[in-house]
């Protein structure tokens, strides 16, 4: 049985206060879940210690993270389908439990010092946990905020972007004190606890529920992604709910899927190569070379509510197109423009905004076209492109190894960004999906 909030009754003013309080709690729950998922996503702190202290080669040390990305993307489909039917709380709670199991098993590395063990425990089990929890965030936030979808979804998923900034330095300190295995155990307890708390805050709104009109915005029409310009002020017009079986037979789905794969590939390339570029091309120390990617992560996290706020006012694709245009230009020019630390920091920050747009607004686009009833699985189907998009990052690293130059890798990321940009323009012009 699907979980929904209790009916809201009482005087109009009281109901309005209950709605706002409950809606903010849902966003807090989503933020906690995304923060815990982002902490699991931030694998980079373990790579060097695994090579240095455990005798792994570089490919073995990064393989658990590569597997996690693929499993995460695939698990989103099934998790979204389940949460559409039984509600987000139970699915996210199952994810929290699986976080604890996966991390605990990965922490047994001292007894089973094998890359395969980390792949199965961390890559597969923690990857499934990420999928179970992340699949519940955007659909629930979108259902509670039909009047402000961009802002709500972007706030809920903001933790995923901030996790690297908050926890990467802490992980490095913990590894020095407790080793990789001890850190995995402690982090697992923390992630599971945070995810469990976040899961308990999630619940769908009542069926056919709509928020009361907001007098502060009653004089302004909402963006086309949330409401019709012909609708009365404050009235939310919902998109037709399209079941997954029909979604995969539409052209819009494949355009969205390829667009997400293209732009996410650029983001993953940036994550993988910016620090190396600073060390090898600019001759920066490892600590200083990590500063640009920290700015990237900071903008990625804090930029999400900003782009969501703008999307609610001027339209989702109208925000995405110029930001992806900037991302493409930065990638294409970066090897020749980022010739010192300040320029590399600026370039990284601009690229971080592109990543913020991707995770904050693609769920809003999916809901705008296919409705919210099946949003969990529909977005999971589109999000499966995340795993394919990771290939661009791998190709970028291969190009760097093959050519001993960063230019081909960043050019590839720029080209994929242009492809995603063009596809979004097609969506805007042919299908009216703004």
Protein backbone atom coordinates (compact mmCIF):
# COMPACT_ATOMS: atom_id res chain seq x y z
CA UNK A 1 0.00 0.00 0.00
CA UNK A 2 1.33 3.44 -0.93
CA UNK A 3 2.32 5.69 1.94
CA UNK A 4 0.67 9.11 2.00
CA UNK A 5 0.45 11.86 4.57
CA UNK A 6 -2.65 12.19 6.69
CA UNK A 7 -5.36 14.47 5.33
CA UNK A 8 -4.83 18.09 6.25
CA UNK A 9 -7.85 19.58 8.01
CA UNK A 10 -8.71 22.73 9.90
CA UNK A 11 -8.94 26.44 9.16
CA UNK A 12 -7.28 27.56 5.95
CA UNK A 13 -4.49 29.41 7.74
CA UNK A 14 -3.71 26.36 9.91
CA UNK A 15 -3.73 24.05 6.92
CA UNK A 16 -1.32 26.37 5.13
CA UNK A 17 1.08 26.25 8.07
CA UNK A 18 0.81 22.45 8.24
CA UNK A 19 1.54 22.20 4.53
CA UNK A 20 4.64 24.37 4.70
CA UNK A 21 5.99 22.57 7.77
CA UNK A 22 5.41 19.13 6.27
CA UNK A 23 6.82 20.13 2.90
CA UNK A 24 10.01 21.47 4.45
CA UNK A 25 10.45 18.24 6.42
CA UNK A 26 10.22 16.29 3.16
CA UNK A 27 12.95 18.48 1.67
CA UNK A 28 15.08 17.94 4.77
CA UNK A 29 14.62 14.20 4.44
CA UNK A 30 15.62 14.33 0.78
CA UNK A 31 18.65 16.45 1.60
CA UNK A 32 19.84 13.96 4.22
CA UNK A 33 19.40 11.05 1.82
CA UNK A 34 21.25 12.84 -0.97
CA UNK A 35 24.03 13.86 1.43
CA UNK A 36 24.52 10.25 2.52
CA UNK A 37 24.45 9.06 -1.09
CA UNK A 38 26.97 11.74 -2.03
CA UNK A 39 29.24 10.63 0.79
CA UNK A 40 29.23 7.14 -0.71
CA UNK A 41 29.81 8.65 -4.17
CA UNK A 42 32.94 10.44 -2.91
CA UNK A 43 35.28 7.45 -3.34
CA UNK A 44 38.43 9.37 -4.32
CA UNK A 45 39.80 9.52 -0.76
CA UNK A 46 40.25 5.73 -0.74
CA UNK A 47 42.11 5.40 -4.05
CA UNK A 48 45.65 6.35 -3.02
CA UNK A 49 45.55 4.48 0.35
CA UNK A 50 44.40 1.32 -1.42
CA UNK A 51 47.33 1.59 -3.82
CA UNK A 52 49.85 2.63 -1.18
CA UNK A 53 48.85 0.42 1.75
CA UNK A 54 46.98 -2.52 0.27
CA UNK A 55 48.93 -3.20 -2.90
CA UNK A 56 46.09 -2.48 -5.32
CA UNK A 57 46.88 -1.21 -8.80
CA UNK A 58 45.12 1.97 -9.96
CA UNK A 59 42.48 0.12 -11.98
CA UNK A 60 41.64 -2.12 -9.00
CA UNK A 61 41.43 0.85 -6.64
CA UNK A 62 38.94 2.71 -8.86
CA UNK A 63 36.90 -0.32 -9.96
CA UNK A 64 34.52 -0.35 -6.93
CA UNK A 65 33.51 3.23 -7.74
CA UNK A 66 33.03 2.46 -11.45
CA UNK A 67 30.81 -0.49 -10.57
CA UNK A 68 28.89 1.66 -8.06
CA UNK A 69 28.03 4.18 -10.80
CA UNK A 70 26.65 1.49 -13.10
CA UNK A 71 24.73 -0.33 -10.34
CA UNK A 72 23.41 2.99 -9.01
CA UNK A 73 22.02 3.91 -12.44
CA UNK A 74 20.41 0.51 -13.04
CA UNK A 75 19.00 0.23 -9.50
CA UNK A 76 17.23 3.57 -9.94
CA UNK A 77 14.84 1.97 -12.44
CA UNK A 78 13.59 -0.81 -10.16
CA UNK A 79 13.70 1.39 -7.06
CA UNK A 80 11.63 4.03 -8.81
CA UNK A 81 9.06 1.43 -9.88
CA UNK A 82 8.77 0.11 -6.32
CA UNK A 83 8.49 3.51 -4.67
CA UNK A 84 5.77 4.52 -7.12
CA UNK A 85 3.72 1.63 -5.71
CA UNK A 86 4.53 1.35 -2.01
CA UNK A 87 5.77 4.85 -1.25
CA UNK A 88 9.21 6.40 -0.66
CA UNK A 89 9.59 5.74 3.07
CA UNK A 90 9.87 1.96 2.91
CA UNK A 91 12.14 1.98 -0.13
CA UNK A 92 14.48 4.59 1.33
CA UNK A 93 14.54 2.73 4.67
CA UNK A 94 15.56 -0.45 2.84
CA UNK A 95 18.33 1.58 1.25
CA UNK A 96 19.52 2.76 4.66
CA UNK A 97 19.71 -0.85 5.88
CA UNK A 98 21.60 -1.88 2.77
CA UNK A 99 24.05 0.98 3.32
CA UNK A 100 24.89 -0.52 6.72
CA UNK A 101 25.27 -4.04 5.31
CA UNK A 102 27.37 -2.96 2.34
CA UNK A 103 29.74 -0.76 4.31
CA UNK A 104 30.10 -3.35 7.07
CA UNK A 105 31.04 -6.04 4.57
CA UNK A 106 33.44 -3.69 2.78
CA UNK A 107 35.11 -2.98 6.14
CA UNK A 108 36.12 -6.65 6.35
CA UNK A 109 38.88 -5.84 3.88
CA UNK A 110 41.47 -6.77 6.51
CA UNK A 111 40.24 -10.36 6.43
CA UNK A 112 39.44 -10.48 2.70
CA UNK A 113 41.99 -8.12 1.05
CA UNK A 114 40.62 -8.53 -2.45
CA UNK A 115 39.48 -5.98 -5.05
CA UNK A 116 36.64 -8.36 -5.93
CA UNK A 117 35.39 -8.17 -2.34
CA UNK A 118 35.22 -4.38 -2.51
CA UNK A 119 33.47 -4.55 -5.87
CA UNK A 120 30.78 -6.87 -4.49
CA UNK A 121 30.33 -5.17 -1.12
CA UNK A 122 30.86 -1.50 -1.97
CA UNK A 123 30.31 -1.36 -5.71
CA UNK A 124 27.24 -3.59 -5.84
CA UNK A 125 25.58 -3.37 -2.41
CA UNK A 126 26.29 0.29 -1.67
CA UNK A 127 25.45 1.07 -5.30
CA UNK A 128 22.02 -0.55 -4.85
CA UNK A 129 21.57 1.40 -1.61
CA UNK A 130 22.32 4.64 -3.48
CA UNK A 131 19.71 3.73 -6.08
CA UNK A 132 17.07 2.85 -3.49
CA UNK A 133 17.48 6.11 -1.59
CA UNK A 134 18.09 8.50 -4.49
CA UNK A 135 15.05 7.19 -6.42
CA UNK A 136 12.80 8.45 -3.61
CA UNK A 137 14.10 12.03 -3.38
CA UNK A 138 13.06 13.88 -6.52
CA UNK A 139 9.61 12.27 -7.00
CA UNK A 140 8.55 12.97 -3.41
CA UNK A 141 9.80 16.56 -3.46
CA UNK A 142 8.11 17.19 -6.81
CA UNK A 143 4.75 15.85 -5.56
CA UNK A 144 4.80 18.12 -2.50
CA UNK A 145 5.85 21.21 -4.51
CA UNK A 146 3.86 21.37 -7.76
CA UNK A 147 3.97 25.16 -7.35
CA UNK A 148 7.79 25.34 -7.03
CA UNK A 149 9.14 22.13 -8.62
CA UNK A 150 12.57 23.39 -9.61
CA UNK A 151 13.35 24.88 -6.22
CA UNK A 152 12.05 21.85 -4.31
CA UNK A 153 13.86 19.16 -6.30
CA UNK A 154 17.11 21.12 -6.39
CA UNK A 155 17.07 21.67 -2.61
CA UNK A 156 16.34 18.01 -1.96
CA UNK A 157 19.24 16.77 -4.12
CA UNK A 158 21.66 19.48 -2.99
CA UNK A 159 23.38 17.17 -0.50
CA UNK A 160 24.77 14.98 -3.27
CA UNK A 161 26.82 17.87 -4.58
CA UNK A 162 27.96 19.16 -1.19
CA UNK A 163 29.09 15.80 0.16
CA UNK A 164 32.53 15.90 -1.48
CA UNK A 165 33.27 19.34 -0.01
CA UNK A 166 32.09 18.39 3.45
CA UNK A 167 33.36 14.85 3.80
CA UNK A 168 36.40 14.35 1.52
CA UNK A 169 38.83 16.11 3.92
CA UNK A 170 37.24 14.29 6.88
CA UNK A 171 37.65 10.92 5.16
CA UNK A 172 41.33 11.63 4.49
CA UNK A 173 41.90 12.36 8.18
CA UNK A 174 39.99 9.26 9.25
CA UNK A 175 41.97 7.04 6.86
CA UNK A 176 45.25 8.27 8.34
CA UNK A 177 43.99 7.41 11.82
CA UNK A 178 41.96 4.22 11.28
CA UNK A 179 42.96 2.90 7.87
CA UNK A 180 40.69 2.14 4.94
CA UNK A 181 38.81 -0.68 6.67
CA UNK A 182 38.19 1.23 9.90
CA UNK A 183 37.04 4.29 7.98
CA UNK A 184 34.62 2.24 5.90
CA UNK A 185 33.04 0.85 9.08
CA UNK A 186 32.65 4.24 10.79
CA UNK A 187 31.41 5.93 7.63
CA UNK A 188 28.93 3.11 7.13
CA UNK A 189 27.41 3.65 10.56
CA UNK A 190 27.11 7.38 9.92
CA UNK A 191 25.67 7.00 6.41
CA UNK A 192 23.14 4.36 7.49
CA UNK A 193 21.98 6.50 10.44
CA UNK A 194 21.64 9.65 8.34
CA UNK A 195 19.82 7.78 5.58
CA UNK A 196 17.43 6.18 8.09
CA UNK A 197 16.52 9.57 9.57
CA UNK A 198 16.02 11.02 6.09
CA UNK A 199 13.86 8.07 5.05
CA UNK A 200 11.52 8.52 8.03
CA UNK A 201 10.82 12.10 6.93
CA UNK A 202 9.62 11.08 3.48
CA UNK A 203 5.95 10.52 2.73
CA UNK A 204 3.81 11.24 -0.32
CA UNK A 205 1.10 13.91 -0.05
CA UNK A 206 -2.56 12.83 -0.09
CA UNK A 207 -3.95 11.76 -3.46
CA UNK A 208 -5.17 14.69 -5.61
CA UNK A 209 -3.62 17.09 -3.14
CA UNK A 210 -2.66 20.62 -4.20
CA UNK A 211 -1.04 23.32 -2.06
CA UNK A 212 -3.12 26.35 -1.12
CA UNK A 213 -2.50 29.45 -3.30
CA UNK A 214 0.47 31.55 -2.23
CA UNK A 215 -0.53 35.17 -1.96
CA UNK A 216 3.08 36.27 -2.31
CA UNK A 217 3.19 35.04 -5.90
CA UNK A 218 -0.51 35.26 -6.79
CA UNK A 219 0.11 38.14 -9.20
CA UNK A 220 2.73 36.27 -11.21
CA UNK A 221 2.09 33.39 -13.62
CA UNK A 222 4.20 30.34 -13.01
CA UNK A 223 6.62 28.92 -15.56
CA UNK A 224 5.27 26.67 -18.29
CA UNK A 225 6.89 23.66 -16.67
CA UNK A 226 4.62 23.99 -13.66
CA UNK A 227 1.52 25.78 -14.82
CA UNK A 228 -0.28 27.05 -17.86
CA UNK A 229 -0.02 30.73 -18.64
CA UNK A 230 -3.79 30.71 -19.21
CA UNK A 231 -4.53 29.25 -15.78
CA UNK A 232 -5.76 31.42 -12.94
CA UNK A 233 -2.96 32.85 -10.75
CA UNK A 234 -1.73 30.33 -8.20
CA UNK A 235 -3.42 27.34 -9.87
CA UNK A 236 -1.11 24.41 -10.66
CA UNK A 237 -1.77 22.49 -13.89
CA UNK A 238 -0.44 18.94 -13.82
CA UNK A 239 1.02 17.17 -16.83
CA UNK A 240 -0.71 14.03 -18.01
CA UNK A 241 0.58 10.96 -16.16
CA UNK A 242 2.25 8.64 -18.66
CA UNK A 243 3.08 5.06 -17.55
CA UNK A 244 6.64 3.79 -18.13
CA UNK A 245 5.54 1.39 -20.87
CA UNK A 246 4.35 4.30 -22.97
CA UNK A 247 7.21 6.60 -21.95
CA UNK A 248 9.82 4.39 -23.61
CA UNK A 249 7.87 4.60 -26.87
CA UNK A 250 8.08 8.38 -27.07
CA UNK A 251 10.73 10.40 -28.90
CA UNK A 252 11.02 12.77 -25.95
CA UNK A 253 12.25 9.96 -23.71
CA UNK A 254 15.15 9.09 -26.00
CA UNK A 255 16.07 12.72 -26.48
CA UNK A 256 16.12 13.22 -22.70
CA UNK A 257 18.10 10.00 -22.23
CA UNK A 258 20.82 10.87 -24.75
CA UNK A 259 20.95 14.48 -23.53
CA UNK A 260 21.52 13.34 -19.94
CA UNK A 261 24.22 10.87 -21.02
CA UNK A 262 25.96 13.60 -23.02
CA UNK A 263 26.03 16.32 -20.38
CA UNK A 264 26.78 13.96 -17.49
CA UNK A 265 29.76 12.65 -19.42
CA UNK A 266 31.24 16.11 -19.41
CA UNK A 267 30.69 16.46 -15.66
CA UNK A 268 32.35 13.14 -14.90
CA UNK A 269 35.29 14.09 -17.10
CA UNK A 270 35.76 17.26 -15.08
CA UNK A 271 35.63 15.36 -11.79
CA UNK A 272 38.23 12.90 -13.01
CA UNK A 273 40.72 15.22 -14.69
CA UNK A 274 40.64 18.70 -13.13
CA UNK A 275 42.91 17.77 -10.22
CA UNK A 276 45.31 15.87 -12.48
CA UNK A 277 45.41 18.85 -14.85
CA UNK A 278 46.44 21.12 -11.98
CA UNK A 279 49.21 18.78 -10.88
CA UNK A 280 50.64 17.81 -14.27
CA UNK A 281 50.06 20.91 -16.40
CA UNK A 282 50.27 23.70 -13.82
CA UNK A 283 52.77 21.89 -11.55
CA UNK A 284 50.65 22.48 -8.47
CA UNK A 285 51.09 20.48 -5.30
CA UNK A 286 48.44 17.81 -4.62
CA UNK A 287 46.84 19.91 -1.88
CA UNK A 288 46.64 23.03 -4.05
CA UNK A 289 45.51 21.08 -7.10
CA UNK A 290 42.53 19.85 -5.06
CA UNK A 291 41.29 23.42 -4.54
CA UNK A 292 39.64 23.81 -7.99
CA UNK A 293 37.65 20.59 -7.63
CA UNK A 294 36.55 21.76 -4.17
CA UNK A 295 35.11 24.89 -5.81
CA UNK A 296 33.52 22.64 -8.43
CA UNK A 297 31.80 20.62 -5.71
CA UNK A 298 30.77 23.73 -3.77
CA UNK A 299 29.10 25.32 -6.79
CA UNK A 300 27.60 21.97 -7.73
CA UNK A 301 25.92 21.74 -4.33
CA UNK A 302 24.95 25.32 -3.55
CA UNK A 303 24.14 26.10 -7.17
CA UNK A 304 21.26 23.61 -7.31
CA UNK A 305 18.70 25.68 -5.33
CA UNK A 306 19.71 28.75 -7.35
CA UNK A 307 19.07 27.14 -10.73
CA UNK A 308 15.85 25.61 -9.39
CA UNK A 309 14.63 29.03 -8.25
CA UNK A 310 15.32 30.54 -11.65
CA UNK A 311 13.76 27.57 -13.47
CA UNK A 312 10.48 28.09 -11.62
CA UNK A 313 10.37 31.66 -12.87
CA UNK A 314 11.69 31.62 -16.44
CA UNK A 315 11.39 27.95 -17.48
CA UNK A 316 13.55 24.87 -16.99
CA UNK A 317 15.15 24.59 -20.42
CA UNK A 318 15.65 28.36 -20.56
CA UNK A 319 17.98 27.92 -17.59
CA UNK A 320 19.67 24.75 -18.83
CA UNK A 321 20.56 25.93 -22.34
CA UNK A 322 22.77 28.92 -21.46
CA UNK A 323 24.50 27.06 -18.64
CA UNK A 324 25.29 24.09 -20.88
CA UNK A 325 26.52 26.52 -23.53
CA UNK A 326 28.96 27.93 -20.97
CA UNK A 327 29.98 24.40 -19.96
CA UNK A 328 30.74 23.50 -23.57
CA UNK A 329 32.82 26.64 -24.12
CA UNK A 330 34.78 26.10 -20.91
CA UNK A 331 35.60 22.49 -21.82
CA UNK A 332 36.67 23.40 -25.34
CA UNK A 333 38.88 26.27 -24.17
CA UNK A 334 40.14 24.96 -20.82
CA UNK A 335 43.51 23.48 -21.92
CA UNK A 336 44.53 26.87 -23.35
CA UNK A 337 42.74 29.24 -20.97
CA UNK A 338 43.29 27.66 -17.52
CA UNK A 339 47.00 28.50 -17.42
CA UNK A 340 47.16 29.36 -13.73
CA UNK A 341 45.37 28.49 -10.49
CA UNK A 342 42.82 31.37 -10.45
CA UNK A 343 41.70 30.60 -14.01
CA UNK A 344 41.45 26.91 -13.24
CA UNK A 345 39.30 27.69 -10.18
CA UNK A 346 36.97 29.87 -12.27
CA UNK A 347 36.73 27.20 -14.96
CA UNK A 348 35.97 24.52 -12.37
CA UNK A 349 33.27 26.65 -10.76
CA UNK A 350 31.57 27.19 -14.12
CA UNK A 351 31.68 23.46 -14.85
CA UNK A 352 30.25 22.77 -11.40
CA UNK A 353 27.20 24.86 -12.30
CA UNK A 354 26.62 22.60 -15.29
CA UNK A 355 26.64 19.52 -13.06
CA UNK A 356 24.26 21.29 -10.66
CA UNK A 357 21.79 21.94 -13.47
CA UNK A 358 21.90 18.31 -14.59
CA UNK A 359 20.92 16.78 -11.25
CA UNK A 360 18.56 19.57 -10.20
CA UNK A 361 16.49 20.03 -13.35
CA UNK A 362 16.34 16.77 -15.30
CA UNK A 363 13.78 15.35 -12.79
CA UNK A 364 11.72 18.50 -13.33
CA UNK A 365 11.83 18.00 -17.11
CA UNK A 366 10.71 14.38 -16.78
CA UNK A 367 7.80 15.40 -14.54
CA UNK A 368 6.84 18.26 -16.87
CA UNK A 369 6.47 15.85 -19.78
CA UNK A 370 5.34 12.57 -18.18
CA UNK A 371 3.60 13.64 -14.95
CA UNK A 372 4.32 12.72 -11.33
CA UNK A 373 2.32 9.53 -10.75
CA UNK A 374 5.03 7.32 -12.26
CA UNK A 375 7.88 9.78 -11.78
CA UNK A 376 9.98 7.35 -9.73
CA UNK A 377 10.38 4.81 -12.51
CA UNK A 378 10.17 7.30 -15.38
CA UNK A 379 13.04 9.32 -13.96
CA UNK A 380 14.86 6.08 -13.17
CA UNK A 381 14.62 5.12 -16.84
CA UNK A 382 16.07 8.47 -17.90
CA UNK A 383 18.67 8.37 -15.12
CA UNK A 384 19.98 5.04 -16.42
CA UNK A 385 21.87 7.21 -18.91
CA UNK A 386 24.11 8.15 -15.98
CA UNK A 387 25.88 4.81 -16.32
CA UNK A 388 26.40 5.31 -20.06
CA UNK A 389 27.55 8.88 -19.50
CA UNK A 390 30.31 7.55 -17.27
CA UNK A 391 31.91 6.08 -20.40
CA UNK A 392 32.84 9.60 -21.47
CA UNK A 393 34.88 9.99 -18.30
CA UNK A 394 36.63 6.67 -18.96
CA UNK A 395 37.31 7.69 -22.58
CA UNK A 396 38.75 10.97 -21.32
CA UNK A 397 41.20 9.13 -19.07
CA UNK A 398 42.10 6.77 -21.94
CA UNK A 399 42.74 9.71 -24.26
CA UNK A 400 44.99 11.28 -21.63
CA UNK A 401 46.98 8.06 -21.28
CA UNK A 402 47.20 7.57 -25.05
CA UNK A 403 48.09 11.10 -26.14
CA UNK A 404 49.75 12.37 -22.94
CA UNK A 405 47.71 15.53 -23.44
CA UNK A 406 44.62 16.85 -21.69
CA UNK A 407 43.33 18.61 -24.81
CA UNK A 408 41.62 15.58 -26.48
CA UNK A 409 39.86 14.62 -23.25
CA UNK A 410 38.46 18.09 -22.63
CA UNK A 411 37.54 18.47 -26.31
CA UNK A 412 35.55 15.23 -26.04
CA UNK A 413 33.72 16.58 -22.98
CA UNK A 414 33.02 19.83 -24.83
CA UNK A 415 31.59 17.96 -27.82
CA UNK A 416 29.29 15.83 -25.66
CA UNK A 417 28.11 19.00 -23.90
CA UNK A 418 27.24 20.54 -27.27
CA UNK A 419 25.27 17.40 -28.19
CA UNK A 420 23.26 17.62 -24.97
CA UNK A 421 22.68 21.34 -25.55
CA UNK A 422 21.37 20.76 -29.08
CA UNK A 423 19.01 18.01 -27.91
CA UNK A 424 17.51 20.26 -25.23
CA UNK A 425 16.93 22.99 -27.82
CA UNK A 426 15.13 20.38 -29.96
CA UNK A 427 12.94 19.48 -26.97
CA UNK A 428 12.10 23.13 -26.50
CA UNK A 429 11.25 23.88 -30.10
CA UNK A 430 9.56 20.66 -31.29
CA UNK A 431 7.76 19.48 -28.18
CA UNK A 432 7.24 22.70 -26.24
CA UNK A 433 8.94 21.22 -23.17
CA UNK A 434 10.18 24.34 -21.43
